[in-house]
C-alpha atoms as a PDB file:
ATOM      1  CA  UNK A   1      80.540  97.756 138.229  1.00  0.00           C
ATOM      2  CA  UNK A   2      80.862 100.106 135.276  1.00  0.00           C
ATOM      3  CA  UNK A   3      84.647  99.758 135.039  1.00  0.00           C
ATOM      4  CA  UNK A   4      85.957  98.934 131.574  1.00  0.00           C
ATOM      5  CA  UNK A   5      86.819  95.302 130.942  1.00  0.00           C
ATOM      6  CA  UNK A   6      90.604  94.908 130.929  1.00  0.00           C
ATOM      7  CA  UNK A   7      91.704  94.175 127.383  1.00  0.00           C
ATOM      8  CA  UNK A   8      94.890  93.667 125.417  1.00  0.00           C
ATOM      9  CA  UNK A   9      94.966  96.453 122.828  1.00  0.00           C
ATOM     10  CA  UNK A  10      97.112  95.879 119.742  1.00  0.00           C
ATOM     11  CA  UNK A  11      97.630  99.240 118.056  1.00  0.00           C
ATOM     12  CA  UNK A  12      98.532  99.193 114.403  1.00  0.00           C
ATOM     13  CA  UNK A  13     101.312 101.738 113.819  1.00  0.00           C
ATOM     14  CA  UNK A  14     101.343 103.096 110.233  1.00  0.00           C
ATOM     15  CA  UNK A  15      97.976 104.753 109.623  1.00  0.00           C
ATOM     16  CA  UNK A  16      96.827 104.428 113.235  1.00  0.00           C
ATOM     17  CA  UNK A  17      99.459 105.801 115.650  1.00  0.00           C
ATOM     18  CA  UNK A  18     101.645 107.590 113.091  1.00  0.00           C
ATOM     19  CA  UNK A  19     100.676 109.178 109.795  1.00  0.00           C
ATOM     20  CA  UNK A  20     102.499 107.761 106.747  1.00  0.00           C
ATOM     21  CA  UNK A  21     101.118 110.609 104.638  1.00  0.00           C
ATOM     22  CA  UNK A  22     103.068 112.988 106.896  1.00  0.00           C
ATOM     23  CA  UNK A  23     106.001 112.227 104.588  1.00  0.00           C
ATOM     24  CA  UNK A  24     104.407 114.623 102.078  1.00  0.00           C
ATOM     25  CA  UNK A  25     105.971 117.585 103.874  1.00  0.00           C
ATOM     26  CA  UNK A  26     109.458 116.227 103.188  1.00  0.00           C
ATOM     27  CA  UNK A  27     108.485 115.104  99.690  1.00  0.00           C
ATOM     28  CA  UNK A  28     107.538 118.678  98.801  1.00  0.00           C
ATOM     29  CA  UNK A  29     111.231 119.577  98.718  1.00  0.00           C
ATOM     30  CA  UNK A  30     111.814 116.895  96.072  1.00  0.00           C
ATOM     31  CA  UNK A  31     108.605 116.725  93.990  1.00  0.00           C
ATOM     32  CA  UNK A  32     106.927 120.078  94.637  1.00  0.00           C
ATOM     33  CA  UNK A  33     103.136 120.293  94.508  1.00  0.00           C
ATOM     34  CA  UNK A  34     102.838 116.615  93.574  1.00  0.00           C
ATOM     35  CA  UNK A  35     103.895 115.680  97.116  1.00  0.00           C
ATOM     36  CA  UNK A  36     100.441 114.683  98.433  1.00  0.00           C
ATOM     37  CA  UNK A  37      99.653 112.508  95.404  1.00  0.00           C
ATOM     38  CA  UNK A  38     103.136 110.981  95.525  1.00  0.00           C
ATOM     39  CA  UNK A  39     102.791 110.179  99.259  1.00  0.00           C
ATOM     40  CA  UNK A  40      99.412 108.510  98.676  1.00  0.00           C
ATOM     41  CA  UNK A  41     100.740 106.434  95.755  1.00  0.00           C
ATOM     42  CA  UNK A  42     103.813 105.430  97.769  1.00  0.00           C
ATOM     43  CA  UNK A  43     101.672 104.239 100.686  1.00  0.00           C
ATOM     44  CA  UNK A  44      99.340 102.266  98.405  1.00  0.00           C
ATOM     45  CA  UNK A  45     102.207 100.597  96.537  1.00  0.00           C
ATOM     46  CA  UNK A  46     103.994  99.811  99.820  1.00  0.00           C
ATOM     47  CA  UNK A  47     100.926  97.935 101.101  1.00  0.00           C
ATOM     48  CA  UNK A  48     100.420  96.215  97.744  1.00  0.00           C
ATOM     49  CA  UNK A  49     103.980  94.917  97.921  1.00  0.00           C
ATOM     50  CA  UNK A  50     103.440  93.519 101.437  1.00  0.00           C
ATOM     51  CA  UNK A  51     100.271  91.736 100.270  1.00  0.00           C
ATOM     52  CA  UNK A  52     102.004  90.297  97.216  1.00  0.00           C
ATOM     53  CA  UNK A  53     105.097  89.165  99.103  1.00  0.00           C
ATOM     54  CA  UNK A  54     102.944  87.548 101.794  1.00  0.00           C
ATOM     55  CA  UNK A  55     100.925  85.607  99.223  1.00  0.00           C
ATOM     56  CA  UNK A  56     103.985  84.589  97.209  1.00  0.00           C
ATOM     57  CA  UNK A  57     105.952  83.570 100.319  1.00  0.00           C
ATOM     58  CA  UNK A  58     108.738  85.817  99.024  1.00  0.00           C
ATOM     59  CA  UNK A  59     109.243  87.775 102.250  1.00  0.00           C
ATOM     60  CA  UNK A  60     111.441  90.816 102.369  1.00  0.00           C
ATOM     61  CA  UNK A  61     111.036  93.120 105.340  1.00  0.00           C
ATOM     62  CA  UNK A  62     108.868  96.234 105.454  1.00  0.00           C
ATOM     63  CA  UNK A  63     111.827  98.539 104.854  1.00  0.00           C
ATOM     64  CA  UNK A  64     112.533  96.740 101.556  1.00  0.00           C
ATOM     65  CA  UNK A  65     108.851  96.960 100.546  1.00  0.00           C
ATOM     66  CA  UNK A  66     108.857 100.680 101.357  1.00  0.00           C
ATOM     67  CA  UNK A  67     112.051 101.342  99.381  1.00  0.00           C
ATOM     68  CA  UNK A  68     110.878  99.305  96.371  1.00  0.00           C
ATOM     69  CA  UNK A  69     107.524 101.104  96.423  1.00  0.00           C
ATOM     70  CA  UNK A  70     109.364 104.431  96.427  1.00  0.00           C
ATOM     71  CA  UNK A  71     111.325 103.307  93.376  1.00  0.00           C
ATOM     72  CA  UNK A  72     108.132 102.317  91.573  1.00  0.00           C
ATOM     73  CA  UNK A  73     106.362 105.603  92.290  1.00  0.00           C
ATOM     74  CA  UNK A  74     109.465 107.620  91.385  1.00  0.00           C
ATOM     75  CA  UNK A  75     109.501 105.872  87.980  1.00  0.00           C
ATOM     76  CA  UNK A  76     105.737 106.302  87.515  1.00  0.00           C
ATOM     77  CA  UNK A  77     105.829 110.013  88.367  1.00  0.00           C
ATOM     78  CA  UNK A  78     109.046 110.568  86.391  1.00  0.00           C
ATOM     79  CA  UNK A  79     110.539 112.432  89.354  1.00  0.00           C
ATOM     80  CA  UNK A  80     114.057 110.946  88.979  1.00  0.00           C
ATOM     81  CA  UNK A  81     114.982 111.062  92.646  1.00  0.00           C
ATOM     82  CA  UNK A  82     118.720 110.874  93.271  1.00  0.00           C
ATOM     83  CA  UNK A  83     120.115 108.078  95.489  1.00  0.00           C
ATOM     84  CA  UNK A  84     120.730 110.741  98.151  1.00  0.00           C
ATOM     85  CA  UNK A  85     117.089 111.875  97.940  1.00  0.00           C
ATOM     86  CA  UNK A  86     115.896 108.264  98.273  1.00  0.00           C
ATOM     87  CA  UNK A  87     118.098 107.788 101.346  1.00  0.00           C
ATOM     88  CA  UNK A  88     116.833 111.057 102.845  1.00  0.00           C
ATOM     89  CA  UNK A  89     113.200 110.034 102.337  1.00  0.00           C
ATOM     90  CA  UNK A  90     113.788 106.578 103.802  1.00  0.00           C
ATOM     91  CA  UNK A  91     115.465 108.153 106.841  1.00  0.00           C
ATOM     92  CA  UNK A  92     112.520 110.519 107.264  1.00  0.00           C
ATOM     93  CA  UNK A  93     110.192 107.501 107.195  1.00  0.00           C
ATOM     94  CA  UNK A  94     111.515 106.729 110.695  1.00  0.00           C
ATOM     95  CA  UNK A  95     110.409 110.200 111.822  1.00  0.00           C
ATOM     96  CA  UNK A  96     106.764 110.170 110.769  1.00  0.00           C
ATOM     97  CA  UNK A  97     104.476 112.363 112.892  1.00  0.00           C
ATOM     98  CA  UNK A  98     102.197 110.782 115.478  1.00  0.00           C
ATOM     99  CA  UNK A  99      98.517 111.574 115.042  1.00  0.00           C
ATOM    100  CA  UNK A 100      97.532 114.400 117.387  1.00  0.00           C
ATOM    101  CA  UNK A 101      95.489 112.163 119.700  1.00  0.00           C
ATOM    102  CA  UNK A 102      97.869 109.179 119.831  1.00  0.00           C
ATOM    103  CA  UNK A 103      99.995 109.947 122.904  1.00  0.00           C
ATOM    104  CA  UNK A 104      97.100 111.052 125.105  1.00  0.00           C
ATOM    105  CA  UNK A 105      94.827 108.194 124.018  1.00  0.00           C
ATOM    106  CA  UNK A 106      97.406 105.440 124.567  1.00  0.00           C
ATOM    107  CA  UNK A 107      98.373 106.956 127.904  1.00  0.00           C
ATOM    108  CA  UNK A 108      94.721 107.127 129.035  1.00  0.00           C
ATOM    109  CA  UNK A 109      93.993 103.556 127.972  1.00  0.00           C
ATOM    110  CA  UNK A 110      96.980 102.247 129.865  1.00  0.00           C
ATOM    111  CA  UNK A 111      95.925 104.184 132.970  1.00  0.00           C
ATOM    112  CA  UNK A 112      92.513 102.484 132.720  1.00  0.00           C
ATOM    113  CA  UNK A 113      94.325  99.170 133.143  1.00  0.00           C
ATOM    114  CA  UNK A 114      94.395  97.945 129.560  1.00  0.00           C
ATOM    115  CA  UNK A 115      97.562  96.322 128.183  1.00  0.00           C
ATOM    116  CA  UNK A 116      98.755  98.424 125.247  1.00  0.00           C
ATOM    117  CA  UNK A 117     101.001  97.118 122.483  1.00  0.00           C
ATOM    118  CA  UNK A 118     102.145  98.257 119.079  1.00  0.00           C
ATOM    119  CA  UNK A 119     101.543  95.578 116.419  1.00  0.00           C
ATOM    120  CA  UNK A 120     102.987  96.333 113.031  1.00  0.00           C
ATOM    121  CA  UNK A 121     104.293  95.213 109.648  1.00  0.00           C
ATOM    122  CA  UNK A 122     107.363  97.333 110.444  1.00  0.00           C
ATOM    123  CA  UNK A 123     110.822  95.931 111.090  1.00  0.00           C
ATOM    124  CA  UNK A 124     111.498  95.610 114.856  1.00  0.00           C
ATOM    125  CA  UNK A 125     114.491  97.983 115.061  1.00  0.00           C
ATOM    126  CA  UNK A 126     112.759 100.601 112.936  1.00  0.00           C
ATOM    127  CA  UNK A 127     109.548 100.394 114.945  1.00  0.00           C
ATOM    128  CA  UNK A 128     111.470 101.185 118.119  1.00  0.00           C
ATOM    129  CA  UNK A 129     113.054 104.205 116.433  1.00  0.00           C
ATOM    130  CA  UNK A 130     109.749 105.401 114.964  1.00  0.00           C
ATOM    131  CA  UNK A 131     107.784 104.997 118.200  1.00  0.00           C
ATOM    132  CA  UNK A 132     110.560 106.664 120.215  1.00  0.00           C
ATOM    133  CA  UNK A 133     110.505 109.642 117.835  1.00  0.00           C
ATOM    134  CA  UNK A 134     106.706 109.831 118.107  1.00  0.00           C
ATOM    135  CA  UNK A 135     106.834 109.883 121.922  1.00  0.00           C
ATOM    136  CA  UNK A 136     104.914 106.607 122.190  1.00  0.00           C
ATOM    137  CA  UNK A 137     107.510 103.954 123.019  1.00  0.00           C
ATOM    138  CA  UNK A 138     107.613 104.480 126.787  1.00  0.00           C
ATOM    139  CA  UNK A 139     103.790 104.305 126.979  1.00  0.00           C
ATOM    140  CA  UNK A 140     103.611 100.789 125.554  1.00  0.00           C
ATOM    141  CA  UNK A 141     103.740  97.409 127.280  1.00  0.00           C
ATOM    142  CA  UNK A 142     105.479  95.983 124.232  1.00  0.00           C
ATOM    143  CA  UNK A 143     106.112  96.168 120.496  1.00  0.00           C
ATOM    144  CA  UNK A 144     105.261  93.175 118.291  1.00  0.00           C
ATOM    145  CA  UNK A 145     106.453  93.002 114.680  1.00  0.00           C
ATOM    146  CA  UNK A 146     105.317  90.541 112.018  1.00  0.00           C
ATOM    147  CA  UNK A 147     108.993  90.072 111.070  1.00  0.00           C
ATOM    148  CA  UNK A 148     109.612  86.798 112.994  1.00  0.00           C
ATOM    149  CA  UNK A 149     106.730  85.221 111.023  1.00  0.00           C
ATOM    150  CA  UNK A 150     108.229  86.353 107.678  1.00  0.00           C
ATOM    151  CA  UNK A 151     104.806  87.453 106.480  1.00  0.00           C
ATOM    152  CA  UNK A 152     102.542  90.491 106.705  1.00  0.00           C
ATOM    153  CA  UNK A 153      99.060  91.458 107.838  1.00  0.00           C
ATOM    154  CA  UNK A 154      96.436  90.168 107.101  1.00  0.00           C
ATOM    155  CA  UNK A 155      98.043  86.676 107.113  1.00  0.00           C
ATOM    156  CA  UNK A 156      96.318  84.753 109.964  1.00  0.00           C
ATOM    157  CA  UNK A 157      99.768  83.610 111.130  1.00  0.00           C
ATOM    158  CA  UNK A 158     100.788  87.126 112.172  1.00  0.00           C
ATOM    159  CA  UNK A 159      97.698  87.542 114.375  1.00  0.00           C
ATOM    160  CA  UNK A 160      98.490  84.190 116.040  1.00  0.00           C
ATOM    161  CA  UNK A 161     102.063  85.407 116.540  1.00  0.00           C
ATOM    162  CA  UNK A 162     100.819  88.501 118.366  1.00  0.00           C
ATOM    163  CA  UNK A 163      98.694  86.416 120.757  1.00  0.00           C
ATOM    164  CA  UNK A 164     101.714  84.269 121.618  1.00  0.00           C
ATOM    165  CA  UNK A 165     104.023  87.276 122.015  1.00  0.00           C
ATOM    166  CA  UNK A 166     101.567  89.166 124.242  1.00  0.00           C
ATOM    167  CA  UNK A 167     100.324  86.016 126.022  1.00  0.00           C
ATOM    168  CA  UNK A 168      96.741  86.985 125.255  1.00  0.00           C
ATOM    169  CA  UNK A 169      93.582  85.158 124.177  1.00  0.00           C
ATOM    170  CA  UNK A 170      91.874  86.246 120.953  1.00  0.00           C
ATOM    171  CA  UNK A 171      88.614  86.980 122.796  1.00  0.00           C
ATOM    172  CA  UNK A 172      90.409  89.424 125.144  1.00  0.00           C
ATOM    173  CA  UNK A 173      92.378  91.098 122.364  1.00  0.00           C
ATOM    174  CA  UNK A 174      91.415  94.167 120.363  1.00  0.00           C
ATOM    175  CA  UNK A 175      93.124  95.285 117.212  1.00  0.00           C
ATOM    176  CA  UNK A 176      93.006  99.080 116.925  1.00  0.00           C
ATOM    177  CA  UNK A 177      93.564 100.200 113.343  1.00  0.00           C
ATOM    178  CA  UNK A 178      92.752 102.862 110.805  1.00  0.00           C
ATOM    179  CA  UNK A 179      93.251 100.275 108.038  1.00  0.00           C
ATOM    180  CA  UNK A 180      90.149  98.257 107.062  1.00  0.00           C
ATOM    181  CA  UNK A 181      92.214  95.348 105.680  1.00  0.00           C
ATOM    182  CA  UNK A 182      93.837  94.967 109.111  1.00  0.00           C
ATOM    183  CA  UNK A 183      90.505  95.163 110.948  1.00  0.00           C
ATOM    184  CA  UNK A 184      89.061  92.431 108.699  1.00  0.00           C
ATOM    185  CA  UNK A 185      92.214  90.340 109.172  1.00  0.00           C
ATOM    186  CA  UNK A 186      91.897  90.523 112.952  1.00  0.00           C
ATOM    187  CA  UNK A 187      88.153  89.823 112.961  1.00  0.00           C
ATOM    188  CA  UNK A 188      88.756  86.864 110.654  1.00  0.00           C
ATOM    189  CA  UNK A 189      91.339  85.582 113.164  1.00  0.00           C
ATOM    190  CA  UNK A 190      88.762  85.694 115.964  1.00  0.00           C
ATOM    191  CA  UNK A 191      89.776  89.001 117.564  1.00  0.00           C
ATOM    192  CA  UNK A 192      87.759  92.068 118.436  1.00  0.00           C
ATOM    193  CA  UNK A 193      88.685  95.091 116.348  1.00  0.00           C
ATOM    194  CA  UNK A 194      88.118  98.814 116.522  1.00  0.00           C
ATOM    195  CA  UNK A 195      88.238 100.747 113.247  1.00  0.00           C
ATOM    196  CA  UNK A 196      89.564 104.287 113.656  1.00  0.00           C
ATOM    197  CA  UNK A 197      87.621 106.138 110.953  1.00  0.00           C
ATOM    198  CA  UNK A 198      89.304 109.547 111.020  1.00  0.00           C
ATOM    199  CA  UNK A 199      87.974 110.521 107.589  1.00  0.00           C
ATOM    200  CA  UNK A 200      84.163 110.485 107.353  1.00  0.00           C
ATOM    201  CA  UNK A 201      84.548 109.697 103.642  1.00  0.00           C
ATOM    202  CA  UNK A 202      86.533 106.491 104.371  1.00  0.00           C
ATOM    203  CA  UNK A 203      84.781 103.365 103.108  1.00  0.00           C
ATOM    204  CA  UNK A 204      84.930  99.956 104.769  1.00  0.00           C
ATOM    205  CA  UNK A 205      85.276  96.874 102.565  1.00  0.00           C
ATOM    206  CA  UNK A 206      81.855  95.273 101.855  1.00  0.00           C
ATOM    207  CA  UNK A 207      82.909  91.747 102.836  1.00  0.00           C
ATOM    208  CA  UNK A 208      80.291  91.167 105.505  1.00  0.00           C
ATOM    209  CA  UNK A 209      83.035  91.172 108.171  1.00  0.00           C
ATOM    210  CA  UNK A 210      82.468  94.281 110.270  1.00  0.00           C
ATOM    211  CA  UNK A 211      84.515  96.041 112.955  1.00  0.00           C
ATOM    212  CA  UNK A 212      83.450  95.262 116.518  1.00  0.00           C
ATOM    213  CA  UNK A 213      83.215  99.005 116.926  1.00  0.00           C
ATOM    214  CA  UNK A 214      83.975 102.122 114.910  1.00  0.00           C
ATOM    215  CA  UNK A 215      85.199 105.413 116.394  1.00  0.00           C
ATOM    216  CA  UNK A 216      86.342 108.634 114.749  1.00  0.00           C
ATOM    217  CA  UNK A 217      89.487 109.064 116.860  1.00  0.00           C
ATOM    218  CA  UNK A 218      91.784 107.204 119.223  1.00  0.00           C
ATOM    219  CA  UNK A 219      90.450 109.423 122.011  1.00  0.00           C
ATOM    220  CA  UNK A 220      86.987 107.985 121.436  1.00  0.00           C
ATOM    221  CA  UNK A 221      88.179 104.459 122.092  1.00  0.00           C
ATOM    222  CA  UNK A 222      88.187 104.419 125.895  1.00  0.00           C
ATOM    223  CA  UNK A 223      84.494 105.345 126.144  1.00  0.00           C
ATOM    224  CA  UNK A 224      83.501 102.888 123.393  1.00  0.00           C
ATOM    225  CA  UNK A 225      85.204  99.757 124.775  1.00  0.00           C
ATOM    226  CA  UNK A 226      82.810  97.297 126.501  1.00  0.00           C
ATOM    227  CA  UNK A 227      82.236  97.641 130.220  1.00  0.00           C
ATOM    228  CA  UNK A 228      81.401  95.011 132.837  1.00  0.00           C
END
């Protein structure tokens, strides 16, 4: 039987299903031609803040990390965003664009009999809003946030939390992520993990912990997953 093995697929959201750098289009109205660089710096600082808060056990939710990162990058770039501009950008962060292949890929994988979940650092209420906007929410079997654990990826505790929430065994579970740190976190926790390497120039961390498989798009995932 060449049918795919039924798996629980845990899709990372920011950087996998939706594009956080899509905020650059809105940023252009506030920071002009520095929008792409600003968006990249904002994303990097946002993740840095989640890592630091997780390690320090000083949890504040993802929305707080995102807002504080925006404040840092605004100060670094000297862009002096008004409070209204900050609020507008934070609101737009709940309307990030889905990657072009996300809806079709998730839909196809679910039709093949896989269980499909979103698994994210995002705050639960905001994830629902974001995934609804992106046209993905109704395709999912569930949405799991790290928030109840009061920590962030790649803390092993958040991967355990997902397994409990989805009632899945690590060996049957696949993380699907465009973020190498997340892939390594899942592999370290005993999961399978697929790295979505959309950019051929993207480099994986040389830790000796490799993705179970690497594909260049979400659409490539169905064919790459193991079969009976």
